Protein backbone atom coordinates (compact mmCIF):
# COMPACT_ATOMS: atom_id res chain seq x y z
CA MET A 1 107.44 110.02 94.13
CA VAL A 2 109.20 109.84 97.11
CA LYS A 3 107.02 112.63 98.54
CA GLN A 4 103.70 110.77 97.25
CA LEU A 5 105.12 107.72 99.27
CA ARG A 6 106.00 109.48 102.12
CA GLU A 7 102.18 110.94 102.07
CA LYS A 8 101.01 107.19 101.40
CA TYR A 9 102.97 105.61 104.47
CA ASP A 10 103.70 108.45 107.03
CA ASP A 11 100.35 107.47 109.37
CA LEU A 12 101.86 104.10 109.22
CA GLY A 13 105.10 105.31 110.18
CA PHE A 14 103.69 107.59 113.04
CA LEU A 15 101.84 104.73 114.31
CA ALA A 16 104.74 102.63 114.52
CA SER A 17 106.48 104.65 116.44
CA SER A 18 103.56 105.33 118.56
CA LEU A 19 103.95 101.93 119.70
CA THR A 20 107.49 101.64 120.58
CA SER A 21 108.58 100.70 124.38
CA TYR A 22 110.79 104.15 124.23
CA ARG A 23 107.92 106.01 123.73
CA ILE A 24 105.51 104.34 126.22
CA LEU A 25 108.35 104.40 128.75
CA PHE A 26 109.14 107.99 128.87
CA GLY A 27 106.07 109.17 127.25
CA LYS A 28 103.80 108.01 130.35
CA THR A 29 101.41 106.83 127.94
CA LYS A 30 100.17 103.45 127.38
CA PHE A 31 100.15 101.03 124.87
CA PRO A 32 96.65 101.02 122.96
CA GLU A 33 93.61 99.01 123.25
CA LEU A 34 93.25 96.65 120.22
CA PRO A 35 91.51 96.88 118.04
CA LEU A 36 92.69 100.24 116.58
CA HIS A 37 89.77 101.33 115.09
CA SER A 38 87.99 101.24 118.17
CA SER A 39 90.49 103.54 120.50
CA LYS A 40 91.93 106.82 121.02
CA ILE A 41 94.12 106.33 118.77
CA GLU A 42 91.72 106.67 115.71
CA ARG A 43 93.06 109.72 114.35
CA PHE A 44 94.40 107.27 111.35
CA THR A 45 92.55 107.38 108.24
CA ALA A 46 91.03 104.10 106.42
CA ASP A 47 92.87 104.93 103.41
CA LYS A 48 96.47 105.74 104.94
CA ILE A 49 96.48 102.59 106.98
CA PRO A 50 94.86 99.25 105.98
CA ALA A 51 91.47 98.11 107.77
CA ALA A 52 93.63 94.69 108.69
CA ILE A 53 95.66 96.71 110.75
CA LEU A 54 92.98 99.01 112.28
CA ASP A 55 91.47 95.73 112.67
CA ALA A 56 93.74 93.46 114.55
CA ARG A 57 92.29 92.13 117.83
CA GLY A 58 95.64 90.91 119.09
CA TYR A 59 99.31 92.77 119.25
CA ARG A 60 100.74 89.51 117.04
CA ASP A 61 98.33 90.34 114.56
CA LEU A 62 98.93 93.53 114.36
CA LEU A 63 102.85 93.20 114.07
CA GLU A 64 102.08 90.89 111.61
CA GLN A 65 99.78 93.14 109.53
CA MET A 66 101.76 96.36 110.36
CA LEU A 67 105.16 94.24 108.77
CA PHE A 68 103.54 93.19 105.66
CA VAL A 69 102.52 96.65 104.81
CA GLY A 70 105.85 98.05 105.66
CA GLU A 71 107.69 95.51 104.02
CA LYS A 72 105.96 96.88 101.01
CA ALA A 73 106.46 100.37 101.75
CA ILE A 74 110.25 99.55 101.95
CA ALA A 75 110.11 97.36 98.46
CA GLU A 76 108.14 100.55 96.85
CA PHE A 77 110.91 103.04 98.21
CA ASN A 78 113.46 100.68 97.28
CA VAL A 79 112.69 100.79 93.84
CA VAL A 80 111.79 104.48 93.58
CA ARG A 81 115.84 104.78 95.18
CA THR A 82 116.81 102.33 92.30
CA LYS A 83 115.62 103.98 89.64
CA ASN A 84 117.06 107.22 90.94
CA ASN A 85 120.77 106.20 92.04
CA LEU A 86 119.72 107.29 95.39
């Protein structure tokens, strides 16, 4: 079950880590243009990244959508964790 959840949310995690100021500061990359579905960061598949994230037109909207999905992901991982006493 953990593997399935990891596969379900791995692109979201990669996207979130690619937007950190640390990576941008030291990686010599820029924040992507929004919406993401029309930017160069479009390597994420629609079935793994919700359209609301890919279609966000501002960074506030992007953050709100990523937090919404991220909180859902954490809750799903916590259920598995609780069931398996991890």
